């Protein structure tokens, strides 16, 4: 059964159930997520990820992202959001490996619940969401981009994709479902098993992104596309989005605890921890 829409102010909203990381959001004093109202496009805000150097999705970053999405969703004057990076060259390197390495089950559980919440809020947002991918976007960065309604990516030597298998990790079902809904079954089957990272032109060819723009034109390209979406009556667009995305959202909503338990059990296996440790060690050597 598809989740029923309810109304907040004058806008229909795809309902998202609350989770345990919600109550901690307001206690986080960091500023990894910057939200600005666009000064040229009425009703549009820009979310910039700013967790230097590579915008890793740590627990604090996810908490701030969830809080930002909540605030924009409840703002009746906001109709669209552009998600991008404050650090050109990298959209997001994905999940913070340190959140999964040598952590307690409680810490791992909390991290995964926060990631679930951000995906549910972004993928199920009633707002028009456009990803301005201004750099590399592997793994969780690719998930964030795919969760938006439209993706425009900077030209250049950048890559995007779900490359979890290269680290010995399995992408959960809601990662794969999101990619499946974006590029189709056969492309997803190959991409996930091989851990493929696609070059910009390859990503455009398979439909992983919708448009390519020069780095200095990516925000203008996102805004131009946004104007097309904002011309559609909100209620019609939102109901259509809900019909298409509702079943995918509900699949996770009904299996959230099971998904958290599976992830925590999997990530804490000795051979997975060893693989993560080797990857972190390789990163240290590259930095020397």
Protein backbone atom coordinates (compact mmCIF):
# COMPACT_ATOMS: atom_id res chain seq x y z
CA UNK A 1 0.00 0.00 0.00
CA UNK A 2 1.30 3.43 -0.94
CA UNK A 3 1.68 5.89 1.98
CA UNK A 4 -1.22 8.35 2.25
CA UNK A 5 -0.47 12.02 1.68
CA UNK A 6 -1.30 14.57 4.33
CA UNK A 7 -1.16 18.34 4.14
CA UNK A 8 1.20 20.74 5.87
CA UNK A 9 0.15 24.34 5.22
CA UNK A 10 -0.96 24.35 1.57
CA UNK A 11 1.37 21.61 0.41
CA UNK A 12 0.93 17.86 0.24
CA UNK A 13 3.75 15.99 1.92
CA UNK A 14 4.90 12.41 1.59
CA UNK A 15 4.85 11.35 5.26
CA UNK A 16 8.10 10.19 6.86
CA UNK A 17 8.06 8.48 10.21
CA UNK A 18 10.33 9.90 12.92
CA UNK A 19 13.42 8.05 14.09
CA UNK A 20 15.67 8.03 17.12
CA UNK A 21 18.29 10.42 15.69
CA UNK A 22 15.67 13.18 15.38
CA UNK A 23 15.85 14.24 19.02
CA UNK A 24 19.59 14.84 18.80
CA UNK A 25 19.45 17.18 15.81
CA UNK A 26 19.08 20.43 17.71
CA UNK A 27 21.99 19.64 20.05
CA UNK A 28 24.56 19.59 17.27
CA UNK A 29 26.46 22.86 17.12
CA UNK A 30 28.50 22.25 13.98
CA UNK A 31 27.81 23.87 10.62
CA UNK A 32 28.44 21.28 7.94
CA UNK A 33 25.26 22.09 6.04
CA UNK A 34 24.69 25.62 4.80
CA UNK A 35 21.25 26.73 3.65
CA UNK A 36 20.77 29.91 1.63
CA UNK A 37 17.75 31.40 -0.09
CA UNK A 38 18.49 31.94 -3.74
CA UNK A 39 18.49 35.65 -4.54
CA UNK A 40 17.39 35.25 -8.17
CA UNK A 41 14.73 32.53 -7.99
CA UNK A 42 11.80 33.03 -5.66
CA UNK A 43 10.86 30.08 -3.47
CA UNK A 44 14.16 28.25 -3.99
CA UNK A 45 16.83 27.47 -1.39
CA UNK A 46 20.31 26.08 -1.85
CA UNK A 47 21.75 23.41 0.45
CA UNK A 48 25.55 23.31 0.40
CA UNK A 49 27.48 20.45 1.96
CA UNK A 50 30.58 21.80 3.67
CA UNK A 51 32.44 19.06 5.52
CA UNK A 52 36.01 19.54 4.30
CA UNK A 53 37.91 18.06 2.70
CA UNK A 54 35.55 15.64 0.87
CA UNK A 55 32.07 16.18 2.37
CA UNK A 56 32.03 12.77 4.05
CA UNK A 57 28.58 11.87 5.35
CA UNK A 58 29.27 11.52 9.07
CA UNK A 59 26.60 11.32 11.76
CA UNK A 60 26.78 15.08 12.50
CA UNK A 61 26.52 15.91 8.79
CA UNK A 62 23.50 13.63 8.38
CA UNK A 63 21.85 15.12 11.46
CA UNK A 64 22.29 18.63 10.08
CA UNK A 65 21.04 17.56 6.67
CA UNK A 66 17.89 16.03 8.17
CA UNK A 67 17.28 19.19 10.19
CA UNK A 68 17.75 21.41 7.13
CA UNK A 69 15.35 19.31 5.04
CA UNK A 70 12.77 19.40 7.83
CA UNK A 71 12.92 23.19 8.05
CA UNK A 72 12.62 23.69 4.30
CA UNK A 73 9.78 21.19 4.07
CA UNK A 74 7.81 23.09 6.70
CA UNK A 75 8.52 26.49 5.10
CA UNK A 76 5.44 27.28 2.99
CA UNK A 77 7.43 29.83 0.96
CA UNK A 78 9.93 27.20 -0.21
CA UNK A 79 9.04 25.19 -3.31
CA UNK A 80 12.42 23.95 -4.51
CA UNK A 81 15.89 22.99 -3.27
CA UNK A 82 19.22 22.77 -5.06
CA UNK A 83 21.65 20.40 -3.38
CA UNK A 84 25.33 21.05 -4.06
CA UNK A 85 28.78 21.26 -2.49
CA UNK A 86 30.52 24.28 -1.00
CA UNK A 87 33.79 22.67 -2.12
CA UNK A 88 33.96 22.47 -5.94
CA UNK A 89 35.68 19.33 -7.16
CA UNK A 90 33.91 17.07 -4.70
CA UNK A 91 30.15 16.72 -4.33
CA UNK A 92 30.43 14.11 -1.59
CA UNK A 93 32.81 11.20 -1.12
CA UNK A 94 29.99 9.26 0.52
CA UNK A 95 29.67 7.67 3.92
CA UNK A 96 32.34 8.46 6.48
CA UNK A 97 34.33 5.22 6.85
CA UNK A 98 35.29 6.21 10.39
CA UNK A 99 31.60 5.92 11.36
CA UNK A 100 31.77 2.23 10.45
CA UNK A 101 35.23 1.29 11.70
CA UNK A 102 35.76 0.06 15.26
CA UNK A 103 32.47 1.50 16.52
CA UNK A 104 30.08 0.06 19.10
CA UNK A 105 26.78 -1.45 17.93
CA UNK A 106 24.89 1.52 19.40
CA UNK A 107 27.04 4.01 17.49
CA UNK A 108 26.65 2.06 14.27
CA UNK A 109 22.90 1.77 14.78
CA UNK A 110 22.56 5.51 15.30
CA UNK A 111 24.66 6.35 12.24
CA UNK A 112 22.60 4.07 10.00
CA UNK A 113 19.27 5.38 11.33
CA UNK A 114 20.38 8.93 10.53
CA UNK A 115 21.35 7.91 7.01
CA UNK A 116 17.96 6.23 6.56
CA UNK A 117 16.22 9.37 7.74
CA UNK A 118 18.06 11.67 5.34
CA UNK A 119 17.30 9.40 2.40
CA UNK A 120 13.61 9.15 3.32
CA UNK A 121 13.35 12.92 3.67
CA UNK A 122 15.22 13.70 0.45
CA UNK A 123 13.79 10.95 -1.76
CA UNK A 124 10.30 11.61 -0.39
CA UNK A 125 10.46 15.42 -0.33
CA UNK A 126 7.45 17.33 -1.61
CA UNK A 127 9.85 20.03 -2.84
CA UNK A 128 11.44 20.08 -6.26
CA UNK A 129 14.95 18.76 -5.62
CA UNK A 130 17.81 19.27 -8.05
CA UNK A 131 21.36 18.04 -7.50
CA UNK A 132 24.09 20.33 -8.81
CA UNK A 133 26.90 17.78 -8.76
CA UNK A 134 30.01 19.95 -8.87
CA UNK A 135 32.61 17.22 -8.42
CA UNK A 136 33.21 13.56 -7.63
CA UNK A 137 30.19 11.71 -6.28
CA UNK A 138 30.93 8.10 -5.30
CA UNK A 139 28.89 5.83 -3.02
CA UNK A 140 26.71 7.82 -0.61
CA UNK A 141 27.31 10.95 -2.66
CA UNK A 142 25.75 9.18 -5.62
CA UNK A 143 22.83 8.13 -3.40
CA UNK A 144 22.19 11.76 -2.41
CA UNK A 145 22.26 12.83 -6.06
CA UNK A 146 19.98 10.02 -7.23
CA UNK A 147 17.50 10.91 -4.50
CA UNK A 148 16.86 14.27 -6.17
CA UNK A 149 14.34 14.82 -8.99
CA UNK A 150 16.97 16.01 -11.47
CA UNK A 151 20.76 15.85 -11.69
CA UNK A 152 23.12 18.22 -13.49
CA UNK A 153 26.84 17.45 -13.24
CA UNK A 154 29.95 19.49 -13.90
CA UNK A 155 31.99 18.59 -16.95
CA UNK A 156 35.51 17.44 -16.22
CA UNK A 157 37.35 14.37 -14.96
CA UNK A 158 34.75 13.51 -12.32
CA UNK A 159 33.07 10.21 -11.54
CA UNK A 160 29.80 9.07 -9.97
CA UNK A 161 28.45 5.69 -8.93
CA UNK A 162 27.77 3.21 -6.14
CA UNK A 163 31.19 1.59 -5.67
CA UNK A 164 30.58 -0.17 -2.34
CA UNK A 165 31.67 -3.61 -3.56
CA UNK A 166 35.18 -2.28 -4.18
CA UNK A 167 35.45 -1.82 -0.40
CA UNK A 168 33.96 -5.23 0.32
CA UNK A 169 30.63 -3.67 1.36
CA UNK A 170 27.21 -4.52 -0.01
CA UNK A 171 24.90 -1.64 -0.97
CA UNK A 172 21.61 -2.06 0.98
CA UNK A 173 18.37 -2.70 -0.85
CA UNK A 174 17.24 0.93 -0.74
CA UNK A 175 20.48 2.08 -2.39
CA UNK A 176 19.96 -0.47 -5.14
CA UNK A 177 16.25 0.37 -5.45
CA UNK A 178 17.11 4.04 -5.91
CA UNK A 179 19.60 3.21 -8.66
CA UNK A 180 17.17 0.72 -10.21
CA UNK A 181 14.53 3.46 -10.43
CA UNK A 182 17.11 5.76 -12.03
CA UNK A 183 18.95 3.69 -14.65
CA UNK A 184 17.00 0.43 -14.94
CA UNK A 185 17.59 -3.17 -13.91
CA UNK A 186 20.36 -4.32 -16.24
CA UNK A 187 22.55 -1.24 -15.80
CA UNK A 188 22.05 -1.42 -12.02
CA UNK A 189 22.88 -5.12 -11.94
CA UNK A 190 26.21 -4.51 -13.65
CA UNK A 191 27.04 -1.27 -11.85
CA UNK A 192 26.46 -2.59 -8.33
CA UNK A 193 28.30 -5.87 -8.77
CA UNK A 194 31.28 -4.21 -10.42
CA UNK A 195 31.28 -1.16 -8.13
CA UNK A 196 31.34 1.00 -11.25
CA UNK A 197 32.31 4.65 -11.12
CA UNK A 198 31.09 6.36 -14.28
CA UNK A 199 32.76 9.25 -16.04
CA UNK A 200 30.52 12.24 -16.69
CA UNK A 201 29.71 11.33 -20.30
CA UNK A 202 29.05 7.71 -19.33
CA UNK A 203 26.74 8.77 -16.53
CA UNK A 204 24.79 10.95 -18.95
CA UNK A 205 24.56 8.14 -21.48
CA UNK A 206 22.96 5.67 -19.03
CA UNK A 207 20.69 8.26 -17.39
CA UNK A 208 22.47 8.42 -14.04
CA UNK A 209 22.63 12.18 -14.58
CA UNK A 210 20.32 14.28 -16.72
CA UNK A 211 22.57 17.11 -17.89
CA UNK A 212 26.18 18.25 -18.08
CA UNK A 213 27.26 21.86 -17.56
CA UNK A 214 30.55 23.72 -17.40
CA UNK A 215 31.75 24.04 -13.78
CA UNK A 216 31.11 27.79 -13.70
CA UNK A 217 27.63 27.32 -15.18
CA UNK A 218 26.31 24.46 -13.09
CA UNK A 219 24.23 26.57 -10.71
CA UNK A 220 22.69 28.52 -13.58
CA UNK A 221 21.86 25.25 -15.30
CA UNK A 222 20.22 23.96 -12.12
CA UNK A 223 18.19 27.15 -11.76
CA UNK A 224 17.09 27.08 -15.39
CA UNK A 225 15.83 23.52 -14.93
CA UNK A 226 14.19 24.47 -11.65
CA UNK A 227 12.03 27.07 -13.38
CA UNK A 228 10.54 24.33 -15.58
CA UNK A 229 9.54 22.23 -12.59
CA UNK A 230 8.12 25.19 -10.68
CA UNK A 231 5.71 25.91 -13.54
CA UNK A 232 3.87 22.69 -12.72
CA UNK A 233 1.12 22.99 -10.07
CA UNK A 234 2.55 21.64 -6.82
CA UNK A 235 -0.33 19.31 -6.00
CA UNK A 236 -0.18 17.56 -9.38
CA UNK A 237 3.60 17.21 -9.32
CA UNK A 238 3.69 15.97 -5.73
CA UNK A 239 0.93 13.40 -6.21
CA UNK A 240 2.70 12.09 -9.31
CA UNK A 241 6.01 11.88 -7.45
CA UNK A 242 4.31 10.10 -4.56
CA UNK A 243 2.76 7.49 -6.83
CA UNK A 244 6.15 6.77 -8.40
CA UNK A 245 8.32 6.89 -5.28
CA UNK A 246 5.84 5.87 -2.58
CA UNK A 247 6.33 2.10 -2.90
CA UNK A 248 10.13 2.45 -2.70
CA UNK A 249 9.86 4.66 0.38
CA UNK A 250 7.41 2.35 2.09
CA UNK A 251 9.67 -0.65 1.49
CA UNK A 252 12.30 0.89 3.76
CA UNK A 253 9.77 2.33 6.20
CA UNK A 254 8.41 -1.15 6.91
CA UNK A 255 11.88 -2.70 7.25
CA UNK A 256 13.86 -0.01 9.04
CA UNK A 257 14.74 -1.97 12.17
CA UNK A 258 15.57 -5.04 10.12
CA UNK A 259 17.81 -2.97 7.84
CA UNK A 260 19.66 -1.40 10.80
CA UNK A 261 20.20 -4.79 12.42
CA UNK A 262 21.49 -6.28 9.17
CA UNK A 263 23.88 -3.41 8.53
CA UNK A 264 25.30 -3.39 12.06
CA UNK A 265 25.78 -7.15 12.08
CA UNK A 266 27.40 -7.07 8.64
CA UNK A 267 29.70 -4.10 9.16
CA UNK A 268 31.05 -5.46 12.44
CA UNK A 269 32.12 -8.79 10.99
CA UNK A 270 35.85 -9.31 11.42
CA UNK A 271 36.63 -9.56 7.71
CA UNK A 272 34.66 -6.37 6.95
CA UNK A 273 36.45 -4.47 9.69
CA UNK A 274 39.75 -5.75 8.33
CA UNK A 275 38.82 -4.56 4.82
CA UNK A 276 37.84 -1.12 6.12
CA UNK A 277 41.06 -0.90 8.11
CA UNK A 278 43.13 -1.70 5.01
CA UNK A 279 41.26 0.96 3.04
CA UNK A 280 41.87 3.59 5.72
CA UNK A 281 45.54 2.63 5.82
CA UNK A 282 45.78 3.04 2.04
CA UNK A 283 44.30 6.53 2.38
CA UNK A 284 46.96 7.47 4.93
CA UNK A 285 49.71 6.34 2.55
CA UNK A 286 48.24 8.43 -0.30
CA UNK A 287 48.32 11.52 1.91
CA UNK A 288 52.02 11.16 2.68
